[in-house]
């Protein structure tokens, strides 16, 4: 059974930084693309960033491009999201997700992911 556990969220002032982590367990981590999504109060869940199985290819939502960086450590079964220059509009619950099928590239579509963490709250004050 795949389990994903996010950590690293918190309260930060605008302009600050946070680093989210997602610890994966239950199956071999390295063959699967991973993604970060977020959901703000009253809004639908939206794509943030995705990375391919090897970590060599990444893709970002326009709203975070240049500020956020997704990475992974396959030896540690861990996914990361470095968030810099945070804005109040980045406030949301952040979820990591693991793609259903192995050896596929990253995807911005939530329906490509079968496994989800419970989320970690990020709050950015102005």
Protein backbone atom coordinates (compact mmCIF):
# COMPACT_ATOMS: atom_id res chain seq x y z
CA UNK A 1 0.00 0.00 0.00
CA UNK A 2 1.52 3.30 -1.12
CA UNK A 3 1.68 5.99 1.53
CA UNK A 4 2.66 9.60 0.98
CA UNK A 5 3.29 11.89 3.93
CA UNK A 6 3.87 15.60 3.42
CA UNK A 7 5.70 17.84 5.87
CA UNK A 8 7.29 21.27 6.02
CA UNK A 9 4.26 23.51 5.79
CA UNK A 10 3.67 26.44 8.10
CA UNK A 11 3.12 30.17 8.41
CA UNK A 12 5.52 32.48 6.60
CA UNK A 13 5.57 36.14 5.64
CA UNK A 14 5.29 37.23 2.05
CA UNK A 15 8.68 37.02 0.38
CA UNK A 16 9.76 34.16 2.57
CA UNK A 17 10.62 30.56 1.77
CA UNK A 18 9.50 27.08 2.74
CA UNK A 19 10.62 23.61 1.73
CA UNK A 20 8.01 20.89 1.57
CA UNK A 21 8.89 17.21 1.73
CA UNK A 22 6.89 14.15 0.78
CA UNK A 23 8.03 10.79 2.13
CA UNK A 24 6.88 7.83 0.05
CA UNK A 25 6.59 4.21 1.14
CA UNK A 26 4.89 1.01 0.11
CA UNK A 27 6.51 0.41 -3.25
CA UNK A 28 9.67 1.27 -5.15
CA UNK A 29 9.70 5.04 -5.56
CA UNK A 30 12.05 5.59 -8.44
CA UNK A 31 9.94 4.40 -11.43
CA UNK A 32 7.09 6.81 -10.77
CA UNK A 33 6.61 10.43 -11.74
CA UNK A 34 5.51 12.67 -8.91
CA UNK A 35 3.58 15.89 -8.62
CA UNK A 36 2.62 18.67 -6.26
CA UNK A 37 -0.87 20.11 -6.26
CA UNK A 38 -2.56 22.66 -4.01
CA UNK A 39 -6.05 23.65 -2.95
CA UNK A 40 -6.97 27.02 -1.52
CA UNK A 41 -10.17 27.57 0.47
CA UNK A 42 -13.18 27.73 -1.83
CA UNK A 43 -11.14 26.83 -4.89
CA UNK A 44 -10.51 23.69 -6.88
CA UNK A 45 -7.32 21.75 -6.54
CA UNK A 46 -4.69 22.99 -8.98
CA UNK A 47 -1.44 21.73 -10.40
CA UNK A 48 1.81 23.18 -9.06
CA UNK A 49 4.75 21.12 -10.34
CA UNK A 50 5.72 17.69 -11.59
CA UNK A 51 8.93 15.70 -12.03
CA UNK A 52 9.75 12.60 -14.07
CA UNK A 53 11.01 9.39 -12.46
CA UNK A 54 14.71 10.21 -12.77
CA UNK A 55 14.33 13.85 -11.73
CA UNK A 56 15.80 15.10 -15.00
CA UNK A 57 12.65 16.77 -16.28
CA UNK A 58 10.34 19.18 -14.47
CA UNK A 59 7.28 21.23 -15.36
CA UNK A 60 5.59 24.06 -13.48
CA UNK A 61 2.37 25.99 -13.40
CA UNK A 62 2.86 29.50 -14.74
CA UNK A 63 1.89 30.93 -11.36
CA UNK A 64 4.92 29.39 -9.63
CA UNK A 65 7.49 29.25 -12.41
CA UNK A 66 10.75 30.85 -11.37
CA UNK A 67 9.82 30.78 -7.68
CA UNK A 68 9.28 27.09 -6.90
CA UNK A 69 11.54 24.12 -7.58
CA UNK A 70 10.52 20.47 -7.50
CA UNK A 71 13.12 17.78 -6.92
CA UNK A 72 13.40 14.22 -5.72
CA UNK A 73 15.87 11.96 -3.97
CA UNK A 74 15.18 8.42 -5.12
CA UNK A 75 17.64 6.98 -2.62
CA UNK A 76 15.58 8.51 0.18
CA UNK A 77 12.15 7.94 -1.40
CA UNK A 78 11.43 11.63 -0.95
CA UNK A 79 9.96 14.38 -3.07
CA UNK A 80 10.63 18.07 -2.37
CA UNK A 81 9.17 21.44 -3.24
CA UNK A 82 11.35 24.46 -2.56
CA UNK A 83 9.14 27.54 -2.44
CA UNK A 84 10.76 30.99 -2.61
CA UNK A 85 9.36 34.50 -2.88
CA UNK A 86 6.09 33.31 -1.44
CA UNK A 87 2.96 35.36 -1.99
CA UNK A 88 -0.33 35.44 -0.06
CA UNK A 89 -1.99 33.79 -3.06
CA UNK A 90 0.22 30.75 -2.50
CA UNK A 91 -1.76 30.02 0.67
CA UNK A 92 -3.27 26.54 0.31
CA UNK A 93 -3.06 22.95 1.39
CA UNK A 94 -0.28 21.33 -0.62
CA UNK A 95 -0.54 17.70 -1.69
CA UNK A 96 2.01 15.37 -3.19
CA UNK A 97 0.88 12.68 -5.58
CA UNK A 98 2.39 9.61 -7.18
CA UNK A 99 1.59 8.69 -10.73
CA UNK A 100 -0.28 5.44 -11.25
CA UNK A 101 1.86 3.95 -13.99
CA UNK A 102 5.64 3.47 -13.89
CA UNK A 103 8.10 4.91 -16.40
CA UNK A 104 5.77 7.68 -17.56
CA UNK A 105 6.80 11.31 -17.49
CA UNK A 106 5.43 13.95 -15.19
CA UNK A 107 1.87 15.15 -15.67
CA UNK A 108 -0.10 18.30 -14.74
CA UNK A 109 -3.36 16.34 -14.66
CA UNK A 110 -4.65 15.05 -11.34
CA UNK A 111 -6.36 12.07 -12.99
CA UNK A 112 -2.95 10.64 -13.86
CA UNK A 113 -2.18 10.16 -10.18
CA UNK A 114 -3.50 7.30 -8.09
CA UNK A 115 -1.92 8.04 -4.75
CA UNK A 116 -2.21 11.20 -2.70
CA UNK A 117 -0.94 12.43 0.61
CA UNK A 118 -3.11 14.09 3.23
CA UNK A 119 -1.63 17.51 2.60
CA UNK A 120 0.31 20.15 4.50
CA UNK A 121 -0.96 23.68 5.13
CA UNK A 122 1.02 26.63 3.80
CA UNK A 123 -0.09 30.07 4.91
CA UNK A 124 1.56 33.22 3.60
CA UNK A 125 0.79 36.44 5.44
CA UNK A 126 0.98 39.84 3.78
